[in-house]
Amino acid sequence: METIKRTTHRIDATDQAPGRLASEIAFLLQGKNKPSFQPHVDMGDTVVVENVDKLKYTGKKLEQKVYYRHTNYPGGLKTTPLKKVAEENPAQVLEHAVKRMLPDNKLRKNRMKRLIIK
């Protein structure tokens, strides 16, 4: 079996929409840009994202988009608006979007480790 050659991709997030940027990052993390792509092999590259605090949110997403989580207790549904998350930790918005775009299998954890957000 051949060794996997990983390259580092640098992406500037200035004035880019989080969803479109996340789909591009997920594509690179999976290695779909390589001619030797195999879905069961983790052959993706490392992605470094800079200026994540300058992401552009279109429409009324800052007011309307809400992140949900549950505490596993009755009535424990917690909501956090995108505006609050983007102010406190803008990297979390992009990380969440990329994670949800990767397939939910054993490879996702290691792929997410190769995503570096500065």
Protein backbone atom coordinates (compact mmCIF):
# COMPACT_ATOMS: atom_id res chain seq x y z
CA MET A 1 0.00 0.00 0.00
CA GLU A 2 1.29 3.43 -0.89
CA THR A 3 1.95 6.06 1.75
CA ILE A 4 -0.52 8.88 2.05
CA LYS A 5 0.91 12.25 1.05
CA ARG A 6 -0.80 15.02 2.97
CA THR A 7 -0.51 18.61 1.89
CA THR A 8 -1.50 21.70 3.85
CA HIS A 9 -4.16 24.00 2.41
CA ARG A 10 -4.36 27.57 3.74
CA ILE A 11 -7.77 29.21 3.43
CA ASP A 12 -8.63 32.82 4.18
CA ALA A 13 -12.17 33.02 5.58
CA THR A 14 -12.56 36.78 5.07
CA ASP A 15 -15.99 37.63 3.57
CA GLN A 16 -16.93 33.99 2.96
CA ALA A 17 -20.18 32.33 4.00
CA PRO A 18 -19.66 29.65 6.67
CA GLY A 19 -21.63 26.94 4.83
CA ARG A 20 -19.89 27.34 1.51
CA LEU A 21 -16.52 27.46 3.21
CA ALA A 22 -17.35 24.38 5.31
CA SER A 23 -18.27 22.33 2.24
CA GLU A 24 -14.94 23.22 0.62
CA ILE A 25 -13.06 22.28 3.81
CA ALA A 26 -14.95 18.98 4.19
CA PHE A 27 -14.08 18.12 0.58
CA LEU A 28 -10.36 18.62 1.30
CA LEU A 29 -10.43 16.82 4.67
CA GLN A 30 -11.92 13.73 3.03
CA GLY A 31 -9.36 13.73 0.22
CA LYS A 32 -11.95 13.91 -2.54
CA ASN A 33 -9.65 16.23 -4.47
CA LYS A 34 -7.18 13.37 -5.07
CA PRO A 35 -7.46 10.91 -7.95
CA SER A 36 -6.70 8.02 -5.58
CA PHE A 37 -9.69 8.80 -3.31
CA GLN A 38 -11.21 5.82 -1.50
CA PRO A 39 -14.13 6.37 0.88
CA HIS A 40 -12.87 3.88 3.49
CA VAL A 41 -9.33 5.34 3.70
CA ASP A 42 -8.52 8.58 5.52
CA MET A 43 -6.32 10.22 2.88
CA GLY A 44 -7.36 13.83 3.27
CA ASP A 45 -5.15 16.86 3.68
CA THR A 46 -4.61 19.33 6.51
CA VAL A 47 -6.62 22.55 6.30
CA VAL A 48 -5.60 25.77 8.06
CA VAL A 49 -8.29 28.46 8.19
CA GLU A 50 -7.35 32.04 9.00
CA ASN A 51 -9.44 35.15 9.77
CA VAL A 52 -12.43 33.10 10.89
CA ASP A 53 -13.72 36.11 12.84
CA LYS A 54 -14.39 37.87 9.50
CA LEU A 55 -16.95 35.36 8.18
CA LYS A 56 -19.90 36.88 6.31
CA TYR A 57 -23.41 35.89 7.40
CA THR A 58 -26.05 36.44 4.74
CA GLY A 59 -29.69 37.28 5.23
CA LYS A 60 -31.17 37.23 8.73
CA LYS A 61 -29.11 34.27 9.96
CA LEU A 62 -27.57 36.17 12.87
CA GLU A 63 -31.03 36.80 14.33
CA GLN A 64 -32.87 33.63 13.22
CA LYS A 65 -30.41 30.69 13.25
CA VAL A 66 -30.36 28.77 16.53
CA TYR A 67 -28.11 25.95 17.75
CA TYR A 68 -29.78 23.24 19.84
CA ARG A 69 -28.38 20.86 22.43
CA HIS A 70 -30.01 18.65 25.03
CA THR A 71 -28.87 17.91 28.59
CA ASN A 72 -30.57 14.47 28.57
CA TYR A 73 -32.82 15.57 31.41
CA PRO A 74 -36.56 16.09 30.94
CA GLY A 75 -37.15 19.57 29.53
CA GLY A 76 -33.40 20.04 29.03
CA LEU A 77 -33.42 21.50 25.53
CA LYS A 78 -31.01 24.43 25.38
CA THR A 79 -30.90 26.96 22.55
CA THR A 80 -28.12 29.37 21.61
CA PRO A 81 -28.56 31.96 18.85
CA LEU A 82 -25.90 32.21 16.14
CA LYS A 83 -25.22 35.83 17.06
CA LYS A 84 -24.07 34.87 20.56
CA VAL A 85 -21.91 31.96 19.36
CA ALA A 86 -20.31 34.09 16.63
CA GLU A 87 -19.41 36.83 19.12
CA GLU A 88 -17.98 34.52 21.78
CA ASN A 89 -16.21 31.93 19.62
CA PRO A 90 -16.45 32.37 15.82
CA ALA A 91 -14.30 29.27 15.26
CA GLN A 92 -17.04 27.13 16.80
CA VAL A 93 -19.49 28.14 14.06
CA LEU A 94 -17.17 26.90 11.31
CA GLU A 95 -16.10 23.81 13.24
CA HIS A 96 -19.74 22.82 13.80
CA ALA A 97 -20.58 23.30 10.12
CA VAL A 98 -17.59 21.23 8.94
CA LYS A 99 -18.28 18.44 11.43
CA ARG A 100 -21.88 18.14 10.25
CA MET A 101 -20.73 17.97 6.60
CA LEU A 102 -18.36 15.05 7.19
CA PRO A 103 -19.78 11.51 7.18
CA ASP A 104 -20.60 10.20 10.65
CA ASN A 105 -18.21 7.27 10.78
CA LYS A 106 -14.93 6.20 12.44
CA LEU A 107 -12.87 8.51 10.23
CA ARG A 108 -14.58 11.77 11.21
CA LYS A 109 -12.69 12.23 14.49
CA ASN A 110 -9.25 12.08 12.86
CA ARG A 111 -10.39 14.26 9.97
CA MET A 112 -11.52 16.96 12.39
CA LYS A 113 -8.10 16.86 14.07
CA ARG A 114 -6.57 18.00 10.78
CA LEU A 115 -8.75 21.13 10.74
CA ILE A 116 -6.79 23.99 12.28
CA ILE A 117 -8.70 27.21 12.87
CA LYS A 118 -6.65 30.33 13.71
